[in-house]
PDB file of N, CA and C in Angstrom:
ATOM      1  N   MET A   1       0.833  -1.163  -0.001  1.00  0.00           N
ATOM      2  CA  MET A   1       0.001   0.001  -0.004  1.00  0.00           C
ATOM      3  C   MET A   1       0.893   1.236  -0.002  1.00  0.00           C
ATOM      4  N   ILE A   2       0.513   2.250  -0.780  1.00  0.00           N
ATOM      5  CA  ILE A   2       1.189   3.537  -0.820  1.00  0.00           C
ATOM      6  C   ILE A   2       0.205   4.594  -0.336  1.00  0.00           C
ATOM      7  N   ASP A   3       0.616   5.390   0.644  1.00  0.00           N
ATOM      8  CA  ASP A   3      -0.219   6.482   1.147  1.00  0.00           C
ATOM      9  C   ASP A   3       0.335   7.778   0.565  1.00  0.00           C
ATOM     10  N   VAL A   4      -0.445   8.442  -0.254  1.00  0.00           N
ATOM     11  CA  VAL A   4       0.039   9.646  -0.945  1.00  0.00           C
ATOM     12  C   VAL A   4      -0.344  10.946  -0.245  1.00  0.00           C
ATOM     13  N   HIS A   5      -0.868  10.853   0.986  1.00  0.00           N
ATOM     14  CA  HIS A   5      -1.290  12.081   1.679  1.00  0.00           C
ATOM     15  C   HIS A   5      -1.119  11.911   3.182  1.00  0.00           C
ATOM     16  N   THR A   6       0.098  12.150   3.667  1.00  0.00           N
ATOM     17  CA  THR A   6       0.328  12.125   5.110  1.00  0.00           C
ATOM     18  C   THR A   6       0.987  13.428   5.541  1.00  0.00           C
ATOM     19  N   HIS A   7       0.690  13.821   6.761  1.00  0.00           N
ATOM     20  CA  HIS A   7       1.205  15.078   7.295  1.00  0.00           C
ATOM     21  C   HIS A   7       2.257  14.839   8.368  1.00  0.00           C
ATOM     22  N   CYS A   8       3.166  15.777   8.470  1.00  0.00           N
ATOM     23  CA  CYS A   8       4.088  15.834   9.606  1.00  0.00           C
ATOM     24  C   CYS A   8       4.212  17.290   9.998  1.00  0.00           C
ATOM     25  N   HIS A   9       3.617  17.639  11.089  1.00  0.00           N
ATOM     26  CA  HIS A   9       3.807  18.971  11.621  1.00  0.00           C
ATOM     27  C   HIS A   9       3.492  18.946  13.111  1.00  0.00           C
ATOM     28  N   LEU A  10       3.988  19.957  13.771  1.00  0.00           N
ATOM     29  CA  LEU A  10       3.797  20.105  15.204  1.00  0.00           C
ATOM     30  C   LEU A  10       2.764  21.192  15.481  1.00  0.00           C
ATOM     31  N   ALA A  11       2.266  21.227  16.685  1.00  0.00           N
ATOM     32  CA  ALA A  11       1.295  22.264  17.067  1.00  0.00           C
ATOM     33  C   ALA A  11       1.853  23.659  16.795  1.00  0.00           C
ATOM     34  N   GLU A  12       3.152  23.840  17.031  1.00  0.00           N
ATOM     35  CA  GLU A  12       3.763  25.167  16.817  1.00  0.00           C
ATOM     36  C   GLU A  12       3.744  25.577  15.348  1.00  0.00           C
ATOM     37  N   HIS A  13       3.637  24.648  14.432  1.00  0.00           N
ATOM     38  CA  HIS A  13       3.592  24.966  12.997  1.00  0.00           C
ATOM     39  C   HIS A  13       2.228  25.545  12.590  1.00  0.00           C
ATOM     40  N   TRP A  14       1.203  25.357  13.433  1.00  0.00           N
ATOM     41  CA  TRP A  14      -0.141  25.835  13.131  1.00  0.00           C
ATOM     42  C   TRP A  14      -0.342  27.315  13.441  1.00  0.00           C
ATOM     43  N   GLY A  15       0.611  27.959  14.131  1.00  0.00           N
ATOM     44  CA  GLY A  15       0.373  29.338  14.549  1.00  0.00           C
ATOM     45  C   GLY A  15      -0.897  29.377  15.387  1.00  0.00           C
ATOM     46  N   CYS A  16      -1.760  30.354  15.152  1.00  0.00           N
ATOM     47  CA  CYS A  16      -3.029  30.423  15.887  1.00  0.00           C
ATOM     48  C   CYS A  16      -4.169  29.761  15.126  1.00  0.00           C
ATOM     49  N   GLU A  17      -3.914  29.258  13.934  1.00  0.00           N
ATOM     50  CA  GLU A  17      -4.947  28.677  13.077  1.00  0.00           C
ATOM     51  C   GLU A  17      -5.681  27.511  13.751  1.00  0.00           C
ATOM     52  N   TRP A  18      -4.942  26.617  14.402  1.00  0.00           N
ATOM     53  CA  TRP A  18      -5.594  25.453  15.029  1.00  0.00           C
ATOM     54  C   TRP A  18      -6.586  25.911  16.098  1.00  0.00           C
ATOM     55  N   HIS A  19      -6.123  26.754  17.004  1.00  0.00           N
ATOM     56  CA  HIS A  19      -6.995  27.172  18.107  1.00  0.00           C
ATOM     57  C   HIS A  19      -8.172  28.006  17.628  1.00  0.00           C
ATOM     58  N   ARG A  20      -7.963  28.815  16.638  1.00  0.00           N
ATOM     59  CA  ARG A  20      -9.019  29.695  16.153  1.00  0.00           C
ATOM     60  C   ARG A  20     -10.089  28.936  15.349  1.00  0.00           C
ATOM     61  N   ASN A  21      -9.662  28.030  14.488  1.00  0.00           N
ATOM     62  CA  ASN A  21     -10.611  27.447  13.536  1.00  0.00           C
ATOM     63  C   ASN A  21     -10.806  25.932  13.609  1.00  0.00           C
ATOM     64  N   TRP A  22      -9.805  25.200  14.018  1.00  0.00           N
ATOM     65  CA  TRP A  22      -9.918  23.751  13.980  1.00  0.00           C
ATOM     66  C   TRP A  22     -10.290  23.141  15.320  1.00  0.00           C
ATOM     67  N   GLN A  23      -9.721  23.650  16.402  1.00  0.00           N
ATOM     68  CA  GLN A  23     -10.032  23.104  17.724  1.00  0.00           C
ATOM     69  C   GLN A  23     -11.532  23.168  18.030  1.00  0.00           C
ATOM     70  N   PRO A  24     -12.229  24.268  17.687  1.00  0.00           N
ATOM     71  CA  PRO A  24     -13.667  24.277  17.958  1.00  0.00           C
ATOM     72  C   PRO A  24     -14.426  23.155  17.226  1.00  0.00           C
ATOM     73  N   VAL A  25     -13.940  22.768  16.075  1.00  0.00           N
ATOM     74  CA  VAL A  25     -14.591  21.697  15.311  1.00  0.00           C
ATOM     75  C   VAL A  25     -14.248  20.324  15.888  1.00  0.00           C
ATOM     76  N   TYR A  26     -12.940  20.101  16.151  1.00  0.00           N
ATOM     77  CA  TYR A  26     -12.495  18.785  16.635  1.00  0.00           C
ATOM     78  C   TYR A  26     -12.635  18.633  18.147  1.00  0.00           C
ATOM     79  N   GLY A  27     -12.677  19.739  18.882  1.00  0.00           N
ATOM     80  CA  GLY A  27     -12.913  19.683  20.305  1.00  0.00           C
ATOM     81  C   GLY A  27     -11.740  19.217  21.158  1.00  0.00           C
ATOM     82  N   HIS A  28     -10.514  19.329  20.649  1.00  0.00           N
ATOM     83  CA  HIS A  28      -9.345  18.933  21.437  1.00  0.00           C
ATOM     84  C   HIS A  28      -8.121  19.720  21.007  1.00  0.00           C
ATOM     85  N   GLU A  29      -7.109  19.674  21.850  1.00  0.00           N
ATOM     86  CA  GLU A  29      -5.825  20.285  21.514  1.00  0.00           C
ATOM     87  C   GLU A  29      -5.186  19.489  20.367  1.00  0.00           C
ATOM     88  N   TYR A  30      -4.330  20.142  19.628  1.00  0.00           N
ATOM     89  CA  TYR A  30      -3.610  19.439  18.572  1.00  0.00           C
ATOM     90  C   TYR A  30      -2.559  18.530  19.204  1.00  0.00           C
ATOM     91  N   ALA A  31      -2.530  17.289  18.800  1.00  0.00           N
ATOM     92  CA  ALA A  31      -1.570  16.317  19.358  1.00  0.00           C
ATOM     93  C   ALA A  31      -0.396  16.156  18.394  1.00  0.00           C
ATOM     94  N   ASP A  32       0.806  16.480  18.891  1.00  0.00           N
ATOM     95  CA  ASP A  32       2.001  16.255  18.096  1.00  0.00           C
ATOM     96  C   ASP A  32       2.230  14.751  17.942  1.00  0.00           C
ATOM     97  N   HIS A  33       2.591  14.348  16.756  1.00  0.00           N
ATOM     98  CA  HIS A  33       2.925  12.944  16.495  1.00  0.00           C
ATOM     99  C   HIS A  33       4.363  12.882  16.009  1.00  0.00           C
ATOM    100  N   ARG A  34       5.126  12.059  16.633  1.00  0.00           N
ATOM    101  CA  ARG A  34       6.551  11.907  16.336  1.00  0.00           C
ATOM    102  C   ARG A  34       6.759  10.775  15.327  1.00  0.00           C
ATOM    103  N   PRO A  35       7.952  10.662  14.762  1.00  0.00           N
ATOM    104  CA  PRO A  35       8.205   9.590  13.781  1.00  0.00           C
ATOM    105  C   PRO A  35       7.826   8.185  14.269  1.00  0.00           C
ATOM    106  N   ALA A  36       8.060   7.871  15.538  1.00  0.00           N
ATOM    107  CA  ALA A  36       7.699   6.530  16.050  1.00  0.00           C
ATOM    108  C   ALA A  36       6.186   6.321  15.997  1.00  0.00           C
ATOM    109  N   ASP A  37       5.404   7.362  16.324  1.00  0.00           N
ATOM    110  CA  ASP A  37       3.943   7.278  16.230  1.00  0.00           C
ATOM    111  C   ASP A  37       3.519   7.071  14.782  1.00  0.00           C
ATOM    112  N   TYR A  38       4.155   7.808  13.909  1.00  0.00           N
ATOM    113  CA  TYR A  38       3.876   7.720  12.466  1.00  0.00           C
ATOM    114  C   TYR A  38       4.143   6.297  11.968  1.00  0.00           C
ATOM    115  N   ASP A  39       5.319   5.775  12.330  1.00  0.00           N
ATOM    116  CA  ASP A  39       5.675   4.417  11.892  1.00  0.00           C
ATOM    117  C   ASP A  39       4.657   3.390  12.385  1.00  0.00           C
ATOM    118  N   ALA A  40       4.204   3.536  13.614  1.00  0.00           N
ATOM    119  CA  ALA A  40       3.222   2.598  14.158  1.00  0.00           C
ATOM    120  C   ALA A  40       1.929   2.657  13.350  1.00  0.00           C
ATOM    121  N   ALA A  41       1.479   3.851  13.027  1.00  0.00           N
ATOM    122  CA  ALA A  41       0.250   3.995  12.249  1.00  0.00           C
ATOM    123  C   ALA A  41       0.420   3.444  10.829  1.00  0.00           C
ATOM    124  N   MET A  42       1.553   3.728  10.213  1.00  0.00           N
ATOM    125  CA  MET A  42       1.794   3.233   8.853  1.00  0.00           C
ATOM    126  C   MET A  42       1.883   1.703   8.850  1.00  0.00           C
ATOM    127  N   SER A  43       2.546   1.145   9.824  1.00  0.00           N
ATOM    128  CA  SER A  43       2.675  -0.310   9.931  1.00  0.00           C
ATOM    129  C   SER A  43       1.302  -0.954  10.120  1.00  0.00           C
ATOM    130  N   ALA A  44       0.499  -0.380  11.015  1.00  0.00           N
ATOM    131  CA  ALA A  44      -0.840  -0.928  11.274  1.00  0.00           C
ATOM    132  C   ALA A  44      -1.713  -0.883  10.036  1.00  0.00           C
ATOM    133  N   GLY A  45      -1.476   0.116   9.174  1.00  0.00           N
ATOM    134  CA  GLY A  45      -2.256   0.243   7.939  1.00  0.00           C
ATOM    135  C   GLY A  45      -1.671  -0.494   6.755  1.00  0.00           C
ATOM    136  N   GLY A  46      -0.562  -1.167   6.943  1.00  0.00           N
ATOM    137  CA  GLY A  46       0.064  -1.877   5.844  1.00  0.00           C
ATOM    138  C   GLY A  46       0.702  -0.975   4.807  1.00  0.00           C
ATOM    139  N   VAL A  47       1.098   0.221   5.216  1.00  0.00           N
ATOM    140  CA  VAL A  47       1.691   1.191   4.282  1.00  0.00           C
ATOM    141  C   VAL A  47       3.181   0.896   4.127  1.00  0.00           C
ATOM    142  N   GLU A  48       3.602   0.736   2.888  1.00  0.00           N
ATOM    143  CA  GLU A  48       4.998   0.426   2.569  1.00  0.00           C
ATOM    144  C   GLU A  48       5.770   1.646   2.077  1.00  0.00           C
ATOM    145  N   LEU A  49       5.074   2.691   1.674  1.00  0.00           N
ATOM    146  CA  LEU A  49       5.675   3.931   1.187  1.00  0.00           C
ATOM    147  C   LEU A  49       4.678   5.049   1.418  1.00  0.00           C
ATOM    148  N   ALA A  50       5.161   6.212   1.869  1.00  0.00           N
ATOM    149  CA  ALA A  50       4.253   7.329   2.133  1.00  0.00           C
ATOM    150  C   ALA A  50       4.847   8.644   1.648  1.00  0.00           C
ATOM    151  N   PHE A  51       3.990   9.497   1.117  1.00  0.00           N
ATOM    152  CA  PHE A  51       4.349  10.874   0.792  1.00  0.00           C
ATOM    153  C   PHE A  51       4.072  11.692   2.048  1.00  0.00           C
ATOM    154  N   VAL A  52       5.037  12.541   2.447  1.00  0.00           N
ATOM    155  CA  VAL A  52       4.941  13.261   3.715  1.00  0.00           C
ATOM    156  C   VAL A  52       5.130  14.753   3.467  1.00  0.00           C
ATOM    157  N   PHE A  53       4.234  15.550   4.027  1.00  0.00           N
ATOM    158  CA  PHE A  53       4.377  16.990   3.899  1.00  0.00           C
ATOM    159  C   PHE A  53       3.801  17.713   5.096  1.00  0.00           C
ATOM    160  N   GLY A  54       4.271  18.924   5.255  1.00  0.00           N
ATOM    161  CA  GLY A  54       3.693  19.833   6.226  1.00  0.00           C
ATOM    162  C   GLY A  54       2.709  20.734   5.507  1.00  0.00           C
ATOM    163  N   LEU A  55       2.457  21.884   6.084  1.00  0.00           N
ATOM    164  CA  LEU A  55       1.538  22.850   5.495  1.00  0.00           C
ATOM    165  C   LEU A  55       2.189  24.230   5.512  1.00  0.00           C
ATOM    166  N   ARG A  56       1.770  25.062   4.560  1.00  0.00           N
ATOM    167  CA  ARG A  56       2.239  26.449   4.567  1.00  0.00           C
ATOM    168  C   ARG A  56       1.132  27.357   4.057  1.00  0.00           C
ATOM    169  N   ALA A  57       0.707  28.233   4.914  1.00  0.00           N
ATOM    170  CA  ALA A  57      -0.230  29.312   4.593  1.00  0.00           C
ATOM    171  C   ALA A  57       0.239  30.495   5.444  1.00  0.00           C
ATOM    172  N   THR A  58       1.194  31.231   4.920  1.00  0.00           N
ATOM    173  CA  THR A  58       1.963  32.198   5.698  1.00  0.00           C
ATOM    174  C   THR A  58       1.096  33.250   6.385  1.00  0.00           C
ATOM    175  N   ARG A  59       0.158  33.828   5.681  1.00  0.00           N
ATOM    176  CA  ARG A  59      -0.683  34.879   6.288  1.00  0.00           C
ATOM    177  C   ARG A  59      -1.547  34.340   7.420  1.00  0.00           C
ATOM    178  N   SER A  60      -1.837  33.047   7.401  1.00  0.00           N
ATOM    179  CA  SER A  60      -2.602  32.420   8.489  1.00  0.00           C
ATOM    180  C   SER A  60      -1.701  31.966   9.617  1.00  0.00           C
ATOM    181  N   GLY A  61      -0.385  32.079   9.425  1.00  0.00           N
ATOM    182  CA  GLY A  61       0.572  31.671  10.454  1.00  0.00           C
ATOM    183  C   GLY A  61       0.888  30.191  10.447  1.00  0.00           C
ATOM    184  N   VAL A  62       0.499  29.489   9.396  1.00  0.00           N
ATOM    185  CA  VAL A  62       0.730  28.044   9.293  1.00  0.00           C
ATOM    186  C   VAL A  62       2.011  27.813   8.500  1.00  0.00           C
ATOM    187  N   ILE A  63       3.047  27.324   9.172  1.00  0.00           N
ATOM    188  CA  ILE A  63       4.336  27.137   8.498  1.00  0.00           C
ATOM    189  C   ILE A  63       5.034  25.896   9.056  1.00  0.00           C
ATOM    190  N   THR A  64       5.162  24.877   8.221  1.00  0.00           N
ATOM    191  CA  THR A  64       5.980  23.719   8.561  1.00  0.00           C
ATOM    192  C   THR A  64       7.292  23.871   7.793  1.00  0.00           C
ATOM    193  N   PRO A  65       8.397  24.081   8.478  1.00  0.00           N
ATOM    194  CA  PRO A  65       9.668  24.303   7.793  1.00  0.00           C
ATOM    195  C   PRO A  65      10.132  23.074   6.984  1.00  0.00           C
ATOM    196  N   ASN A  66      10.788  23.344   5.858  1.00  0.00           N
ATOM    197  CA  ASN A  66      11.366  22.251   5.059  1.00  0.00           C
ATOM    198  C   ASN A  66      12.301  21.391   5.893  1.00  0.00           C
ATOM    199  N   ALA A  67      13.051  22.020   6.778  1.00  0.00           N
ATOM    200  CA  ALA A  67      13.994  21.276   7.619  1.00  0.00           C
ATOM    201  C   ALA A  67      13.270  20.267   8.497  1.00  0.00           C
ATOM    202  N   TYR A  68      12.077  20.633   8.976  1.00  0.00           N
ATOM    203  CA  TYR A  68      11.322  19.709   9.821  1.00  0.00           C
ATOM    204  C   TYR A  68      10.883  18.482   9.006  1.00  0.00           C
ATOM    205  N   VAL A  69      10.382  18.721   7.803  1.00  0.00           N
ATOM    206  CA  VAL A  69       9.951  17.603   6.940  1.00  0.00           C
ATOM    207  C   VAL A  69      11.153  16.709   6.618  1.00  0.00           C
ATOM    208  N   GLN A  70      12.272  17.315   6.270  1.00  0.00           N
ATOM    209  CA  GLN A  70      13.480  16.556   5.970  1.00  0.00           C
ATOM    210  C   GLN A  70      13.866  15.676   7.162  1.00  0.00           C
ATOM    211  N   ASN A  71      13.915  16.256   8.346  1.00  0.00           N
ATOM    212  CA  ASN A  71      14.320  15.498   9.537  1.00  0.00           C
ATOM    213  C   ASN A  71      13.289  14.437   9.899  1.00  0.00           C
ATOM    214  N   PHE A  72      12.025  14.763   9.783  1.00  0.00           N
ATOM    215  CA  PHE A  72      10.960  13.798  10.092  1.00  0.00           C
ATOM    216  C   PHE A  72      11.113  12.564   9.202  1.00  0.00           C
ATOM    217  N   CYS A  73      11.274  12.789   7.907  1.00  0.00           N
ATOM    218  CA  CYS A  73      11.425  11.666   6.970  1.00  0.00           C
ATOM    219  C   CYS A  73      12.675  10.842   7.270  1.00  0.00           C
ATOM    220  N   ALA A  74      13.746  11.517   7.654  1.00  0.00           N
ATOM    221  CA  ALA A  74      14.992  10.814   7.968  1.00  0.00           C
ATOM    222  C   ALA A  74      14.849   9.949   9.218  1.00  0.00           C
ATOM    223  N   GLU A  75      13.952  10.333  10.118  1.00  0.00           N
ATOM    224  CA  GLU A  75      13.791   9.613  11.381  1.00  0.00           C
ATOM    225  C   GLU A  75      12.757   8.494  11.331  1.00  0.00           C
ATOM    226  N   THR A  76      12.004   8.393  10.248  1.00  0.00           N
ATOM    227  CA  THR A  76      11.001   7.325  10.164  1.00  0.00           C
ATOM    228  C   THR A  76      11.634   6.037   9.660  1.00  0.00           C
ATOM    229  N   GLU A  77      11.066   4.928  10.081  1.00  0.00           N
ATOM    230  CA  GLU A  77      11.455   3.635   9.527  1.00  0.00           C
ATOM    231  C   GLU A  77      10.678   3.370   8.237  1.00  0.00           C
ATOM    232  N   THR A  78       9.494   3.942   8.145  1.00  0.00           N
ATOM    233  CA  THR A  78       8.668   3.828   6.952  1.00  0.00           C
ATOM    234  C   THR A  78       9.376   4.537   5.799  1.00  0.00           C
ATOM    235  N   PRO A  79       9.519   3.911   4.654  1.00  0.00           N
ATOM    236  CA  PRO A  79      10.057   4.654   3.500  1.00  0.00           C
ATOM    237  C   PRO A  79       9.131   5.822   3.149  1.00  0.00           C
ATOM    238  N   THR A  80       9.707   6.993   3.003  1.00  0.00           N
ATOM    239  CA  THR A  80       8.917   8.197   2.750  1.00  0.00           C
ATOM    240  C   THR A  80       9.503   9.012   1.608  1.00  0.00           C
ATOM    241  N   ILE A  81       8.643   9.824   1.020  1.00  0.00           N
ATOM    242  CA  ILE A  81       9.041  10.832   0.040  1.00  0.00           C
ATOM    243  C   ILE A  81       8.560  12.158   0.608  1.00  0.00           C
ATOM    244  N   GLY A  82       9.504  13.031   0.973  1.00  0.00           N
ATOM    245  CA  GLY A  82       9.174  14.307   1.565  1.00  0.00           C
ATOM    246  C   GLY A  82       8.782  15.350   0.530  1.00  0.00           C
ATOM    247  N   PHE A  83       7.816  16.176   0.891  1.00  0.00           N
ATOM    248  CA  PHE A  83       7.319  17.233   0.017  1.00  0.00           C
ATOM    249  C   PHE A  83       7.589  18.609   0.628  1.00  0.00           C
ATOM    250  N   ILE A  84       7.799  19.586  -0.215  1.00  0.00           N
ATOM    251  CA  ILE A  84       7.953  20.986   0.166  1.00  0.00           C
ATOM    252  C   ILE A  84       6.553  21.581   0.277  1.00  0.00           C
ATOM    253  N   ALA A  85       6.239  22.248   1.376  1.00  0.00           N
ATOM    254  CA  ALA A  85       4.964  22.961   1.502  1.00  0.00           C
ATOM    255  C   ALA A  85       5.205  24.410   1.117  1.00  0.00           C
ATOM    256  N   LEU A  86       4.490  24.885   0.097  1.00  0.00           N
ATOM    257  CA  LEU A  86       4.675  26.247  -0.411  1.00  0.00           C
ATOM    258  C   LEU A  86       3.388  27.045  -0.359  1.00  0.00           C
ATOM    259  N   ASP A  87       3.533  28.338  -0.110  1.00  0.00           N
ATOM    260  CA  ASP A  87       2.452  29.309  -0.270  1.00  0.00           C
ATOM    261  C   ASP A  87       2.891  30.197  -1.427  1.00  0.00           C
ATOM    262  N   LEU A  88       2.194  30.108  -2.547  1.00  0.00           N
ATOM    263  CA  LEU A  88       2.609  30.838  -3.750  1.00  0.00           C
ATOM    264  C   LEU A  88       2.557  32.349  -3.593  1.00  0.00           C
ATOM    265  N   ALA A  89       1.896  32.850  -2.544  1.00  0.00           N
ATOM    266  CA  ALA A  89       1.839  34.291  -2.301  1.00  0.00           C
ATOM    267  C   ALA A  89       3.091  34.816  -1.593  1.00  0.00           C
ATOM    268  N   ASP A  90       3.943  33.926  -1.094  1.00  0.00           N
ATOM    269  CA  ASP A  90       5.164  34.354  -0.415  1.00  0.00           C
ATOM    270  C   ASP A  90       6.144  34.964  -1.409  1.00  0.00           C
ATOM    271  N   ALA A  91       6.720  36.099  -1.037  1.00  0.00           N
ATOM    272  CA  ALA A  91       7.692  36.771  -1.898  1.00  0.00           C
ATOM    273  C   ALA A  91       8.924  35.904  -2.137  1.00  0.00           C
ATOM    274  N   ASP A  92       9.254  35.045  -1.179  1.00  0.00           N
ATOM    275  CA  ASP A  92      10.451  34.207  -1.293  1.00  0.00           C
ATOM    276  C   ASP A  92      10.119  32.757  -1.678  1.00  0.00           C
ATOM    277  N   VAL A  93       9.018  32.554  -2.376  1.00  0.00           N
ATOM    278  CA  VAL A  93       8.569  31.199  -2.695  1.00  0.00           C
ATOM    279  C   VAL A  93       9.627  30.413  -3.488  1.00  0.00           C
ATOM    280  N   LEU A  94      10.360  31.075  -4.378  1.00  0.00           N
ATOM    281  CA  LEU A  94      11.379  30.370  -5.151  1.00  0.00           C
ATOM    282  C   LEU A  94      12.572  29.990  -4.272  1.00  0.00           C
ATOM    283  N   ASP A  95      12.891  30.819  -3.285  1.00  0.00           N
ATOM    284  CA  ASP A  95      13.943  30.465  -2.328  1.00  0.00           C
ATOM    285  C   ASP A  95      13.519  29.253  -1.496  1.00  0.00           C
ATOM    286  N   GLN A  96      12.245  29.244  -1.068  1.00  0.00           N
ATOM    287  CA  GLN A  96      11.723  28.098  -0.313  1.00  0.00           C
ATOM    288  C   GLN A  96      11.781  26.825  -1.150  1.00  0.00           C
ATOM    289  N   LEU A  97      11.426  26.954  -2.418  1.00  0.00           N
ATOM    290  CA  LEU A  97      11.484  25.810  -3.321  1.00  0.00           C
ATOM    291  C   LEU A  97      12.921  25.304  -3.451  1.00  0.00           C
ATOM    292  N   GLY A  98      13.855  26.207  -3.665  1.00  0.00           N
ATOM    293  CA  GLY A  98      15.265  25.825  -3.779  1.00  0.00           C
ATOM    294  C   GLY A  98      15.788  25.173  -2.517  1.00  0.00           C
ATOM    295  N   ASP A  99      15.371  25.698  -1.351  1.00  0.00           N
ATOM    296  CA  ASP A  99      15.773  25.107  -0.080  1.00  0.00           C
ATOM    297  C   ASP A  99      15.258  23.672   0.040  1.00  0.00           C
ATOM    298  N   GLY A 100      13.999  23.467  -0.302  1.00  0.00           N
ATOM    299  CA  GLY A 100      13.423  22.125  -0.224  1.00  0.00           C
ATOM    300  C   GLY A 100      14.105  21.148  -1.160  1.00  0.00           C
ATOM    301  N   ILE A 101      14.414  21.584  -2.359  1.00  0.00           N
ATOM    302  CA  ILE A 101      15.113  20.726  -3.324  1.00  0.00           C
ATOM    303  C   ILE A 101      16.496  20.378  -2.786  1.00  0.00           C
ATOM    304  N   ALA A 102      17.190  21.385  -2.239  1.00  0.00           N
ATOM    305  CA  ALA A 102      18.526  21.146  -1.683  1.00  0.00           C
ATOM    306  C   ALA A 102      18.480  20.148  -0.521  1.00  0.00           C
ATOM    307  N   ARG A 103      17.352  20.087   0.173  1.00  0.00           N
ATOM    308  CA  ARG A 103      17.191  19.161   1.297  1.00  0.00           C
ATOM    309  C   ARG A 103      16.739  17.771   0.867  1.00  0.00           C
ATOM    310  N   GLY A 104      16.562  17.579  -0.436  1.00  0.00           N
ATOM    311  CA  GLY A 104      16.165  16.264  -0.936  1.00  0.00           C
ATOM    312  C   GLY A 104      14.674  16.024  -0.964  1.00  0.00           C
ATOM    313  N   LEU A 105      13.872  17.052  -0.716  1.00  0.00           N
ATOM    314  CA  LEU A 105      12.419  16.893  -0.802  1.00  0.00           C
ATOM    315  C   LEU A 105      12.046  16.803  -2.271  1.00  0.00           C
ATOM    316  N   ARG A 106      11.064  15.960  -2.585  1.00  0.00           N
ATOM    317  CA  ARG A 106      10.871  15.592  -3.984  1.00  0.00           C
ATOM    318  C   ARG A 106       9.498  15.919  -4.558  1.00  0.00           C
ATOM    319  N   GLY A 107       8.671  16.613  -3.820  1.00  0.00           N
ATOM    320  CA  GLY A 107       7.354  16.997  -4.314  1.00  0.00           C
ATOM    321  C   GLY A 107       6.964  18.330  -3.721  1.00  0.00           C
ATOM    322  N   VAL A 108       5.823  18.864  -4.166  1.00  0.00           N
ATOM    323  CA  VAL A 108       5.333  20.144  -3.678  1.00  0.00           C
ATOM    324  C   VAL A 108       3.898  19.973  -3.197  1.00  0.00           C
ATOM    325  N   LYS A 109       3.608  20.546  -2.018  1.00  0.00           N
ATOM    326  CA  LYS A 109       2.258  20.593  -1.467  1.00  0.00           C
ATOM    327  C   LYS A 109       1.827  22.038  -1.402  1.00  0.00           C
ATOM    328  N   LEU A 110       0.703  22.345  -2.021  1.00  0.00           N
ATOM    329  CA  LEU A 110       0.091  23.679  -1.948  1.00  0.00           C
ATOM    330  C   LEU A 110      -1.164  23.565  -1.092  1.00  0.00           C
ATOM    331  N   TYR A 111      -1.328  24.465  -0.142  1.00  0.00           N
ATOM    332  CA  TYR A 111      -2.501  24.457   0.732  1.00  0.00           C
ATOM    333  C   TYR A 111      -3.338  25.669   0.400  1.00  0.00           C
ATOM    334  N   ALA A 112      -3.917  25.647  -0.783  1.00  0.00           N
ATOM    335  CA  ALA A 112      -4.618  26.807  -1.322  1.00  0.00           C
ATOM    336  C   ALA A 112      -5.841  27.229  -0.514  1.00  0.00           C
ATOM    337  N   VAL A 113      -6.419  26.333   0.264  1.00  0.00           N
ATOM    338  CA  VAL A 113      -7.596  26.665   1.053  1.00  0.00           C
ATOM    339  C   VAL A 113      -7.286  27.772   2.066  1.00  0.00           C
ATOM    340  N   LEU A 114      -6.092  27.737   2.675  1.00  0.00           N
ATOM    341  CA  LEU A 114      -5.725  28.754   3.649  1.00  0.00           C
ATOM    342  C   LEU A 114      -4.783  29.823   3.086  1.00  0.00           C
ATOM    343  N   ALA A 115      -3.994  29.465   2.099  1.00  0.00           N
ATOM    344  CA  ALA A 115      -3.018  30.414   1.551  1.00  0.00           C
ATOM    345  C   ALA A 115      -3.738  31.536   0.813  1.00  0.00           C
ATOM    346  N   SER A 116      -3.120  32.699   0.831  1.00  0.00           N
ATOM    347  CA  SER A 116      -3.746  33.814   0.108  1.00  0.00           C
ATOM    348  C   SER A 116      -2.775  34.484  -0.805  1.00  0.00           C
TER     349      SER A 116
END
């Protein structure tokens, strides 16, 4: 099984977006999941390869750094393909893209619902 849509981000990557808009819907604090938690979930689901990305919607304060995705993927036992999270409205979007490529990330995730 290949999972083409998995996230890796921490509560701090959400800025105030989680508390303002998501927590009222889900009714709980955001729970950070570490690589070991991720591996357990992927193993339980029979996932042999996963695409992994954070989120980026800069004006909303949602930013998962490329370095975090790179490190997260390096720490998992599950084979992963890391993605760069970009907000196309960022003035430095091409620098972010170059940084992600230099880090070995191999895809792009756009979060157009929140990005402006």
